[in-house]
N, C-alpha and C. Protein backbone atom coordinates (compact mmCIF):
# COMPACT_ATOMS: atom_id res chain seq x y z
N MET A 1 -0.59 48.25 0.77
CA MET A 1 -1.28 48.33 1.71
C MET A 1 -1.90 46.93 2.35
N THR A 2 -2.58 46.30 1.41
CA THR A 2 -3.55 45.18 1.74
C THR A 2 -2.50 44.09 2.44
N ALA A 3 -1.30 43.74 2.05
CA ALA A 3 -0.36 42.81 2.17
C ALA A 3 0.18 43.26 3.70
N TYR A 4 -0.06 44.52 4.26
CA TYR A 4 0.75 44.88 5.54
C TYR A 4 -0.38 44.51 6.42
N LEU A 5 -1.85 44.63 6.00
CA LEU A 5 -2.90 44.25 6.68
C LEU A 5 -2.83 43.20 7.22
N VAL A 6 -2.74 41.99 6.04
CA VAL A 6 -2.64 40.62 6.17
C VAL A 6 -1.64 40.24 7.32
N LEU A 7 -0.55 40.63 7.17
CA LEU A 7 0.81 40.60 7.79
C LEU A 7 0.42 40.83 9.26
N ALA A 8 -0.14 41.93 9.55
CA ALA A 8 -0.62 42.41 10.86
C ALA A 8 -1.50 41.48 11.51
N SER A 9 -2.73 41.23 10.64
CA SER A 9 -4.05 40.37 11.09
C SER A 9 -2.92 39.00 11.53
N ILE A 10 -1.87 38.44 10.83
CA ILE A 10 -1.27 37.02 11.25
C ILE A 10 -0.64 37.02 12.40
N ALA A 11 0.10 38.42 12.48
CA ALA A 11 0.96 38.82 13.50
C ALA A 11 -0.01 38.63 14.79
N VAL A 12 -1.44 39.26 15.01
CA VAL A 12 -2.37 39.20 16.00
C VAL A 12 -2.38 37.57 15.94
N LEU A 13 -2.95 36.95 15.09
CA LEU A 13 -3.19 35.48 15.15
C LEU A 13 -2.55 34.82 16.19
N LEU A 14 -1.05 35.19 15.50
CA LEU A 14 -0.07 34.20 16.27
C LEU A 14 0.18 34.47 17.69
N ALA A 15 -0.08 35.90 17.92
CA ALA A 15 -0.46 36.36 19.33
C ALA A 15 -1.33 35.68 20.27
N LEU A 16 -2.42 35.55 19.44
CA LEU A 16 -3.40 34.81 20.36
C LEU A 16 -3.33 33.48 20.54
N LEU A 17 -2.88 32.81 19.56
CA LEU A 17 -2.38 31.70 19.64
C LEU A 17 -1.41 31.21 20.63
N ILE A 18 -0.35 31.80 20.74
CA ILE A 18 0.64 31.78 21.72
C ILE A 18 -0.06 32.23 23.22
N HIS A 19 -0.88 33.32 23.01
CA HIS A 19 -1.32 33.43 24.43
C HIS A 19 -2.54 32.17 24.91
N GLY A 20 -3.18 31.58 24.02
CA GLY A 20 -3.80 30.27 24.45
C GLY A 20 -5.37 30.48 24.76
N ARG A 21 -5.73 31.57 25.17
CA ARG A 21 -7.11 31.75 25.72
C ARG A 21 -8.09 31.47 24.87
N PHE A 22 -8.19 31.44 23.75
CA PHE A 22 -9.05 30.67 22.66
C PHE A 22 -8.26 29.51 21.58
N SER A 23 -9.43 28.92 21.55
CA SER A 23 -9.23 27.66 20.91
C SER A 23 -8.35 27.90 19.35
N PRO A 24 -7.67 27.15 18.90
CA PRO A 24 -7.26 27.39 17.66
C PRO A 24 -8.01 27.40 16.41
N ALA A 25 -8.89 26.14 16.61
CA ALA A 25 -9.88 25.88 15.45
C ALA A 25 -10.88 27.24 15.37
N MET A 26 -11.06 27.80 16.63
CA MET A 26 -12.13 29.09 16.54
C MET A 26 -11.42 30.18 16.00
N LEU A 27 -10.30 30.35 16.19
CA LEU A 27 -9.21 31.50 15.74
C LEU A 27 -8.85 31.25 14.27
N PHE A 28 -8.47 29.95 13.82
CA PHE A 28 -8.49 29.93 12.42
C PHE A 28 -9.72 30.22 11.44
N ALA A 29 -10.96 29.53 12.17
CA ALA A 29 -12.28 29.73 11.27
C ALA A 29 -12.25 31.11 11.30
N THR A 30 -12.10 31.95 12.55
CA THR A 30 -12.33 33.15 12.39
C THR A 30 -11.74 34.07 11.26
N TRP A 31 -10.30 33.76 11.10
CA TRP A 31 -9.57 34.44 10.36
C TRP A 31 -9.93 34.38 8.91
N ALA A 32 -10.28 32.85 8.74
CA ALA A 32 -10.67 32.67 7.14
C ALA A 32 -11.83 33.08 6.73
N GLY A 33 -12.75 33.05 7.58
CA GLY A 33 -14.13 33.58 7.78
C GLY A 33 -14.03 34.96 7.53
N GLY A 34 -13.12 35.80 7.97
CA GLY A 34 -13.04 37.30 7.61
C GLY A 34 -12.12 37.66 6.40
N TYR A 35 -11.04 37.02 5.99
CA TYR A 35 -10.67 36.94 4.98
C TYR A 35 -11.61 36.97 3.62
N THR A 36 -12.14 36.07 4.10
CA THR A 36 -13.54 35.65 2.86
C THR A 36 -14.61 36.96 2.92
N LEU A 37 -14.98 37.51 4.03
CA LEU A 37 -16.03 38.48 3.93
C LEU A 37 -15.22 39.63 3.44
N LEU A 38 -13.82 39.98 3.91
CA LEU A 38 -13.29 41.07 3.29
C LEU A 38 -12.84 41.18 1.81
N GLY A 39 -12.57 39.86 1.19
CA GLY A 39 -12.53 39.93 -0.28
C GLY A 39 -11.11 39.36 -0.55
N LEU A 40 -10.43 39.11 0.62
CA LEU A 40 -9.02 38.65 0.51
C LEU A 40 -8.82 37.57 0.05
N SER A 41 -9.98 36.28 0.12
CA SER A 41 -10.02 35.10 -0.07
C SER A 41 -11.18 34.81 -0.90
N SER A 42 -11.19 34.10 -1.94
CA SER A 42 -12.61 33.85 -2.53
C SER A 42 -13.28 32.73 -1.92
N GLN A 43 -14.49 32.91 -1.75
CA GLN A 43 -15.44 31.58 -1.44
C GLN A 43 -15.36 30.52 -1.84
N GLN A 44 -14.86 30.35 -3.02
CA GLN A 44 -14.50 28.95 -3.38
C GLN A 44 -13.14 28.33 -2.92
N ALA A 45 -12.07 29.34 -2.59
CA ALA A 45 -11.06 28.83 -2.24
C ALA A 45 -11.27 28.48 -0.51
N PHE A 46 -12.24 29.19 0.38
CA PHE A 46 -12.29 29.05 1.70
C PHE A 46 -13.31 27.37 1.41
N LEU A 47 -14.35 27.36 1.07
CA LEU A 47 -15.23 26.06 0.82
C LEU A 47 -14.07 25.10 0.37
N SER A 48 -13.36 25.24 -0.41
CA SER A 48 -12.80 23.97 -1.12
C SER A 48 -11.80 23.53 0.36
N SER A 49 -11.34 24.34 1.10
CA SER A 49 -10.25 23.68 2.08
C SER A 49 -10.96 22.91 3.05
N PHE A 50 -12.39 22.74 3.02
CA PHE A 50 -13.04 21.75 3.72
C PHE A 50 -12.94 20.64 3.12
N THR A 51 -12.59 20.21 1.90
CA THR A 51 -12.82 19.38 1.44
C THR A 51 -11.48 18.47 1.11
N ASN A 52 -10.28 18.70 1.78
CA ASN A 52 -9.15 17.93 1.28
C ASN A 52 -9.35 16.55 1.74
N THR A 53 -8.95 15.34 0.70
CA THR A 53 -9.11 14.44 0.83
C THR A 53 -8.36 13.58 2.12
N ALA A 54 -6.86 14.43 1.57
CA ALA A 54 -5.71 13.69 2.54
C ALA A 54 -6.35 13.99 4.22
N LEU A 55 -6.91 15.09 4.49
CA LEU A 55 -7.41 15.38 5.73
C LEU A 55 -8.47 14.36 6.05
N ALA A 56 -9.19 13.93 5.44
CA ALA A 56 -10.42 12.99 5.46
C ALA A 56 -9.82 11.46 5.73
N THR A 57 -8.58 11.39 4.86
CA THR A 57 -7.86 10.19 5.41
C THR A 57 -7.35 9.92 6.26
N LEU A 58 -6.69 11.25 7.16
CA LEU A 58 -6.04 10.93 8.04
C LEU A 58 -6.97 10.86 9.13
N ILE A 59 -8.27 11.74 9.10
CA ILE A 59 -9.42 11.24 10.19
C ILE A 59 -9.73 9.76 10.11
N LEU A 60 -10.13 9.40 9.43
CA LEU A 60 -10.48 7.89 9.30
C LEU A 60 -9.49 6.88 9.62
N LEU A 61 -8.31 7.16 9.30
CA LEU A 61 -7.20 6.19 10.11
C LEU A 61 -7.23 6.33 11.81
N LEU A 62 -7.35 7.71 12.27
CA LEU A 62 -7.21 7.90 13.61
C LEU A 62 -8.32 7.56 14.14
N LEU A 63 -9.62 7.25 13.41
CA LEU A 63 -10.82 6.76 13.92
C LEU A 63 -10.75 5.17 14.14
N VAL A 64 -10.02 4.49 13.07
CA VAL A 64 -9.81 3.26 13.52
C VAL A 64 -8.66 2.90 14.53
N SER A 65 -7.89 3.45 14.52
CA SER A 65 -7.07 3.59 15.49
C SER A 65 -7.45 3.54 17.06
N LEU A 66 -8.46 4.56 16.97
CA LEU A 66 -9.24 4.84 18.32
C LEU A 66 -10.16 3.41 18.75
N ALA A 67 -10.67 3.01 17.64
CA ALA A 67 -11.61 1.72 17.77
C ALA A 67 -10.51 0.47 17.97
N LEU A 68 -9.43 0.32 17.78
CA LEU A 68 -8.36 -0.34 18.11
C LEU A 68 -7.99 -0.60 19.39
N GLU A 69 -7.54 0.62 19.96
CA GLU A 69 -7.16 1.09 21.26
C GLU A 69 -8.13 0.59 22.48
N ARG A 70 -9.43 0.91 21.75
CA ARG A 70 -10.46 0.34 22.93
C ARG A 70 -11.01 -0.86 22.97
N SER A 71 -10.60 -1.77 22.11
CA SER A 71 -10.72 -3.07 22.19
C SER A 71 -9.78 -3.69 22.75
N PRO A 72 -10.43 -5.32 23.34
CA PRO A 72 -9.45 -5.66 24.08
C PRO A 72 -8.38 -6.61 23.18
N LEU A 73 -8.52 -6.41 22.13
CA LEU A 73 -7.27 -6.98 21.14
C LEU A 73 -5.59 -6.79 21.15
N LEU A 74 -5.84 -4.96 21.53
CA LEU A 74 -4.49 -4.72 21.73
C LEU A 74 -3.90 -5.31 22.71
N ASP A 75 -4.42 -5.45 24.08
CA ASP A 75 -4.08 -5.96 25.61
C ASP A 75 -3.58 -7.34 25.07
N ARG A 76 -4.35 -8.42 24.58
CA ARG A 76 -4.11 -9.79 24.00
C ARG A 76 -2.87 -9.72 23.15
N LEU A 77 -2.65 -8.74 22.47
CA LEU A 77 -1.63 -8.84 21.38
C LEU A 77 -0.22 -8.39 21.88
N SER A 78 -0.59 -7.57 22.92
CA SER A 78 0.85 -6.98 23.69
C SER A 78 1.26 -7.87 24.69
N ALA A 79 0.23 -8.70 25.52
CA ALA A 79 0.84 -9.75 26.38
C ALA A 79 1.45 -10.69 25.42
N SER A 80 1.03 -11.21 24.30
CA SER A 80 1.83 -12.24 23.73
C SER A 80 3.07 -11.62 22.95
N LEU A 81 3.43 -10.64 22.75
CA LEU A 81 4.25 -9.99 22.31
C LEU A 81 5.63 -9.75 23.18
N LEU A 82 4.97 -9.62 24.45
CA LEU A 82 6.03 -8.95 25.44
C LEU A 82 6.67 -10.29 26.32
N GLN A 83 6.18 -11.48 26.06
CA GLN A 83 6.60 -12.77 26.32
C GLN A 83 8.22 -13.16 26.27
N GLY A 84 8.72 -13.44 27.15
CA GLY A 84 10.28 -13.69 26.85
C GLY A 84 11.16 -12.56 27.29
N SER A 85 12.52 -12.52 26.95
CA SER A 85 13.38 -11.65 27.28
C SER A 85 13.10 -10.33 26.95
N GLN A 86 13.80 -9.25 27.45
CA GLN A 86 13.30 -7.94 27.05
C GLN A 86 13.95 -7.74 25.30
N GLY A 87 15.09 -8.42 25.14
CA GLY A 87 15.49 -8.00 23.80
C GLY A 87 14.23 -8.81 22.69
N ARG A 88 14.12 -9.99 23.33
CA ARG A 88 13.29 -10.65 22.20
C ARG A 88 11.70 -10.00 22.16
N ALA A 89 11.14 -9.42 23.52
CA ALA A 89 9.86 -8.92 23.20
C ALA A 89 10.31 -7.52 22.64
N THR A 90 11.24 -6.82 22.66
CA THR A 90 11.40 -5.60 21.74
C THR A 90 11.52 -5.55 20.31
N LEU A 91 11.98 -6.77 20.04
CA LEU A 91 12.13 -7.42 18.48
C LEU A 91 10.71 -7.63 17.93
N LYS A 92 10.24 -8.45 18.70
CA LYS A 92 8.84 -8.85 18.51
C LYS A 92 7.59 -7.58 18.25
N LEU A 93 7.95 -6.72 19.41
CA LEU A 93 6.91 -5.59 19.51
C LEU A 93 7.26 -4.85 18.32
N GLY A 94 8.50 -4.60 17.98
CA GLY A 94 9.10 -3.46 17.00
C GLY A 94 8.65 -3.96 15.65
N GLY A 95 8.83 -5.35 15.56
CA GLY A 95 8.22 -5.80 14.04
C GLY A 95 6.78 -5.61 13.84
N ILE A 96 6.08 -6.07 14.87
CA ILE A 96 4.60 -5.86 14.54
C ILE A 96 4.28 -4.57 14.45
N THR A 97 4.77 -3.55 15.17
CA THR A 97 4.59 -2.21 15.29
C THR A 97 4.70 -1.60 13.72
N ALA A 98 6.05 -2.16 13.16
CA ALA A 98 6.44 -1.62 11.92
C ALA A 98 5.53 -1.98 10.69
N LEU A 99 4.99 -3.19 10.74
CA LEU A 99 3.96 -3.62 10.04
C LEU A 99 2.98 -2.99 10.14
N ILE A 100 2.35 -2.98 11.23
CA ILE A 100 1.02 -2.20 11.51
C ILE A 100 1.42 -0.91 10.88
N SER A 101 2.15 0.07 11.34
CA SER A 101 2.48 1.36 11.15
C SER A 101 2.68 1.87 9.50
N ALA A 102 2.82 0.59 8.53
CA ALA A 102 2.91 0.88 7.43
C ALA A 102 1.52 0.89 6.81
N PHE A 103 0.51 0.44 7.55
CA PHE A 103 -1.11 0.89 6.90
C PHE A 103 -1.80 1.27 7.95
N MET A 104 -1.07 1.78 8.84
CA MET A 104 -2.24 2.95 9.80
C MET A 104 -0.98 4.12 10.07
N ASN A 105 -1.74 4.90 10.48
CA ASN A 105 -1.02 6.12 10.88
C ASN A 105 0.04 6.05 11.97
N ASN A 106 1.20 5.98 11.78
CA ASN A 106 2.23 5.75 12.83
C ASN A 106 2.07 6.47 14.09
N THR A 107 1.94 7.70 14.44
CA THR A 107 1.46 8.13 15.65
C THR A 107 -0.15 7.49 16.26
N ALA A 108 -0.84 7.29 15.53
CA ALA A 108 -1.77 6.68 16.13
C ALA A 108 -1.58 5.06 16.57
N VAL A 109 -0.77 4.32 15.99
CA VAL A 109 -0.30 3.08 16.17
C VAL A 109 0.63 3.30 17.60
N VAL A 110 1.43 4.20 17.74
CA VAL A 110 1.74 4.08 19.05
C VAL A 110 1.24 4.72 20.32
N GLY A 111 0.39 5.65 20.01
CA GLY A 111 -0.88 5.94 20.84
C GLY A 111 -1.62 4.73 21.09
N ALA A 112 -1.76 3.97 20.41
CA ALA A 112 -2.72 2.81 20.83
C ALA A 112 -1.74 1.84 21.52
N LEU A 113 -0.65 1.63 21.41
CA LEU A 113 0.08 0.78 21.89
C LEU A 113 0.63 0.88 23.38
N LEU A 114 0.54 2.34 23.80
CA LEU A 114 1.07 3.12 24.72
C LEU A 114 0.37 2.42 26.23
N GLY A 115 -0.79 2.52 25.81
CA GLY A 115 -1.54 1.77 27.50
C GLY A 115 -1.36 0.55 27.56
N PRO A 116 -1.35 -0.49 26.69
CA PRO A 116 -0.88 -1.79 27.10
C PRO A 116 0.50 -2.06 27.61
N ILE A 117 1.20 -1.31 26.79
CA ILE A 117 2.63 -1.65 27.33
C ILE A 117 3.02 -0.94 28.69
N SER A 118 2.03 0.24 28.86
CA SER A 118 2.62 0.87 30.33
C SER A 118 1.87 0.14 31.39
N LYS A 119 0.81 -0.56 31.07
CA LYS A 119 0.19 -1.31 32.11
C LYS A 119 0.99 -2.71 32.47
N GLN A 120 1.77 -3.18 31.31
CA GLN A 120 2.16 -4.78 31.80
C GLN A 120 3.28 -4.76 32.65
N ARG A 121 3.60 -5.79 33.48
CA ARG A 121 4.67 -5.88 34.17
C ARG A 121 5.81 -6.68 34.16
N LEU A 122 5.83 -7.32 32.80
CA LEU A 122 6.87 -8.11 32.32
C LEU A 122 8.19 -7.47 32.23
N HIS A 123 8.10 -6.31 31.29
CA HIS A 123 9.45 -5.56 31.33
C HIS A 123 9.27 -3.87 31.57
N PRO A 124 10.43 -3.12 31.81
CA PRO A 124 10.23 -1.55 32.10
C PRO A 124 9.49 -1.04 31.02
N PRO A 125 8.22 -0.31 31.14
CA PRO A 125 8.30 0.37 29.74
C PRO A 125 9.00 1.31 29.20
N SER A 126 9.88 2.02 30.23
CA SER A 126 10.66 2.75 29.51
C SER A 126 11.86 2.40 28.67
N LYS A 127 11.95 1.09 28.92
CA LYS A 127 12.76 0.35 27.76
C LYS A 127 12.46 0.03 26.59
N LEU A 128 10.94 0.10 26.24
CA LEU A 128 10.40 -0.50 25.43
C LEU A 128 9.68 0.78 24.46
N LEU A 129 9.49 1.62 25.14
CA LEU A 129 8.54 2.93 24.46
C LEU A 129 9.76 3.66 23.30
N ILE A 130 11.25 3.78 23.20
CA ILE A 130 11.70 4.36 22.56
C ILE A 130 11.75 3.37 21.22
N PRO A 131 12.48 1.95 21.42
CA PRO A 131 12.17 1.14 20.14
C PRO A 131 10.88 1.16 19.37
N LEU A 132 9.84 1.44 20.37
CA LEU A 132 8.32 1.24 19.84
C LEU A 132 8.01 2.47 19.09
N SER A 133 8.54 3.68 19.17
CA SER A 133 8.36 4.73 18.55
C SER A 133 9.16 4.55 17.24
N TYR A 134 10.64 4.17 17.40
CA TYR A 134 11.50 4.27 15.98
C TYR A 134 10.77 3.32 15.15
N ALA A 135 10.00 2.32 15.69
CA ALA A 135 9.75 1.17 15.01
C ALA A 135 8.64 1.72 13.80
N SER A 136 7.58 2.61 14.61
CA SER A 136 6.45 2.90 13.88
C SER A 136 7.11 4.16 12.94
N ILE A 137 7.95 4.93 13.09
CA ILE A 137 8.38 5.67 12.18
C ILE A 137 8.69 5.03 11.07
N PHE A 138 9.91 3.79 10.96
CA PHE A 138 10.35 3.20 9.96
C PHE A 138 9.43 2.61 9.29
N GLY A 139 8.21 1.84 9.77
CA GLY A 139 7.13 1.41 9.36
C GLY A 139 6.56 2.20 8.62
N GLY A 140 6.13 3.35 8.99
CA GLY A 140 5.56 4.58 8.40
C GLY A 140 6.18 4.76 7.06
N THR A 141 7.39 4.74 7.09
CA THR A 141 8.06 5.33 5.77
C THR A 141 7.97 4.12 4.51
N CYS A 142 7.21 3.05 4.70
CA CYS A 142 6.91 2.17 3.89
C CYS A 142 6.07 2.22 2.89
N THR A 143 4.79 2.90 3.35
CA THR A 143 3.56 3.13 2.30
C THR A 143 3.03 4.28 2.60
N LEU A 144 2.29 5.01 1.69
CA LEU A 144 1.55 6.30 1.55
C LEU A 144 0.88 6.11 3.15
N LEU A 145 0.27 5.26 3.48
CA LEU A 145 -0.78 5.50 4.58
C LEU A 145 0.07 5.77 5.71
N GLY A 146 1.53 5.41 6.11
CA GLY A 146 2.36 4.98 6.92
C GLY A 146 2.15 6.43 8.12
N THR A 147 2.40 7.54 7.54
CA THR A 147 2.47 8.69 8.23
C THR A 147 1.66 9.89 7.23
N SER A 148 1.39 10.54 8.37
CA SER A 148 0.39 11.69 7.76
C SER A 148 0.89 12.68 7.04
N THR A 149 2.33 12.73 6.87
CA THR A 149 3.00 13.70 5.95
C THR A 149 3.02 12.94 4.72
N ASN A 150 3.05 11.70 4.35
CA ASN A 150 3.11 11.28 3.28
C ASN A 150 1.72 11.41 2.48
N ILE A 151 0.56 11.28 3.38
CA ILE A 151 -0.48 11.68 2.74
C ILE A 151 -0.72 13.03 2.36
N LEU A 152 -0.38 13.80 3.35
CA LEU A 152 -0.50 15.00 3.08
C LEU A 152 0.54 15.56 1.99
N ALA A 153 1.54 15.00 1.64
CA ALA A 153 2.33 15.45 0.38
C ALA A 153 1.74 14.79 -1.08
N SER A 154 0.87 13.72 -0.72
CA SER A 154 0.25 13.25 -1.81
C SER A 154 -1.16 14.17 -2.00
N GLY A 155 -1.61 14.59 -1.23
CA GLY A 155 -2.42 15.59 -1.63
C GLY A 155 -2.16 16.83 -2.01
N LEU A 156 -0.83 17.34 -1.42
CA LEU A 156 -0.35 18.44 -2.26
C LEU A 156 0.11 18.52 -3.94
N VAL A 157 0.57 17.09 -3.88
CA VAL A 157 0.81 16.98 -5.40
C VAL A 157 -0.27 16.69 -6.18
N VAL A 158 -1.42 16.27 -5.50
CA VAL A 158 -2.79 16.39 -6.53
C VAL A 158 -3.06 17.69 -6.75
N GLY A 159 -2.87 18.41 -5.75
CA GLY A 159 -3.25 19.80 -5.66
C GLY A 159 -2.47 20.32 -7.06
N HIS A 160 -1.47 20.41 -7.14
CA HIS A 160 -0.70 20.92 -8.27
C HIS A 160 -0.84 20.09 -9.66
N GLY A 161 -1.78 19.50 -9.50
CA GLY A 161 -2.04 18.72 -10.96
C GLY A 161 -1.36 17.50 -11.34
N LEU A 162 -0.59 17.01 -10.49
CA LEU A 162 0.25 15.75 -10.71
C LEU A 162 -0.56 14.65 -10.49
N PRO A 163 0.00 13.55 -10.77
CA PRO A 163 -0.80 12.27 -10.49
C PRO A 163 -0.39 11.94 -9.11
N ALA A 164 -1.48 11.23 -8.33
CA ALA A 164 -1.54 11.16 -6.86
C ALA A 164 -0.34 10.13 -6.55
N LEU A 165 0.14 10.12 -5.41
CA LEU A 165 1.23 8.98 -5.14
C LEU A 165 0.28 7.53 -5.21
N GLN A 166 1.18 6.36 -5.72
CA GLN A 166 0.35 5.27 -5.14
C GLN A 166 1.07 4.87 -3.88
N MET A 167 0.33 3.52 -3.51
CA MET A 167 0.29 3.11 -2.17
C MET A 167 1.81 2.51 -1.81
N PHE A 168 2.40 1.98 -2.81
CA PHE A 168 3.57 1.48 -2.50
C PHE A 168 4.68 2.13 -3.19
N GLU A 169 4.45 3.06 -3.67
CA GLU A 169 5.31 4.03 -4.62
C GLU A 169 6.91 4.43 -3.92
N ILE A 170 6.48 4.46 -2.44
CA ILE A 170 7.66 5.00 -1.50
C ILE A 170 8.41 3.86 -0.94
N SER A 171 7.88 2.47 -1.16
CA SER A 171 8.36 1.36 -0.66
C SER A 171 9.70 0.96 -1.00
N SER A 172 10.31 1.52 -1.97
CA SER A 172 11.60 1.01 -2.26
C SER A 172 12.76 1.98 -1.56
N ILE A 173 12.25 3.10 -1.06
CA ILE A 173 13.02 4.02 0.15
C ILE A 173 12.82 3.58 1.46
N GLY A 174 11.54 3.10 1.62
CA GLY A 174 11.06 2.91 2.94
C GLY A 174 11.64 1.33 3.49
N ILE A 175 11.50 0.63 2.73
CA ILE A 175 11.97 -0.83 3.44
C ILE A 175 13.30 -0.89 3.32
N PRO A 176 13.92 -0.47 2.65
CA PRO A 176 15.58 -0.34 3.17
C PRO A 176 15.92 0.33 4.44
N LEU A 177 15.07 1.66 4.38
CA LEU A 177 15.24 2.33 5.91
C LEU A 177 14.93 1.49 6.84
N LEU A 178 13.82 0.58 6.69
CA LEU A 178 13.16 -0.29 7.64
C LEU A 178 14.31 -1.02 8.19
N VAL A 179 14.96 -1.65 7.14
CA VAL A 179 15.76 -3.11 7.58
C VAL A 179 17.10 -2.28 8.10
N CYS A 180 17.69 -1.09 7.95
CA CYS A 180 18.93 -0.57 8.36
C CYS A 180 18.45 -0.20 9.74
N GLY A 181 17.16 0.67 9.87
CA GLY A 181 16.95 1.01 11.07
C GLY A 181 16.84 -0.07 12.27
N ALA A 182 15.91 -1.16 12.03
CA ALA A 182 15.92 -2.34 12.77
C ALA A 182 17.22 -2.84 12.95
N ILE A 183 18.23 -3.11 11.98
CA ILE A 183 19.72 -3.55 12.55
C ILE A 183 20.33 -2.54 13.56
N TYR A 184 20.29 -1.55 13.05
CA TYR A 184 20.85 -0.21 14.11
C TYR A 184 20.22 -0.75 15.63
N LEU A 185 18.91 -0.57 15.74
CA LEU A 185 18.43 -0.62 17.08
C LEU A 185 18.88 -2.03 17.68
N ALA A 186 18.80 -2.99 16.96
CA ALA A 186 19.34 -4.45 17.28
C ALA A 186 20.69 -4.46 17.81
N VAL A 187 21.40 -4.02 17.11
CA VAL A 187 22.90 -3.66 17.45
C VAL A 187 23.15 -2.82 18.73
N PHE A 188 22.69 -1.60 18.58
CA PHE A 188 22.91 -0.64 19.42
C PHE A 188 22.13 0.02 20.26
N GLY A 189 20.81 -0.48 20.16
CA GLY A 189 19.54 -0.26 20.93
C GLY A 189 19.75 -1.26 22.39
């Protein structure tokens, strides 16, 4: 009987999320608190969900990218990268983006570079944004910090009692993927 009540409450939660009237954070917190008060979840499990190191790492990486985005450094960097022909600018921008994405969250890197690329007048932004996105994805596959998926996967691995993934443990797969992706973009992009 309890399982049916939980399923029904999840259906109500999904309906409220789809409706969009209430904040998702408020809904999830209310449901988690309700499950804890009703004894469906332990208090320890409820409180431990607030101490996920992978989530804290993601938040810190997003804060670093926000600080970079607001500094004039990115405007200067993008101005120097976008000099020359469109192909050369795409290659330089993609290389730097891949390198930065290996050590910062790739979504945050694209978000930070989006403004400077959109403001520049040397090349059409529409010709630079897709290669930028792919370069950040390829660069993000090279290290543990590159994508939020890698960080969360490492957190899940630790949660199951296994040793944490090391920073460059996935580089043996990510670097060849980056090289193949760069070649593909250079030839067919």
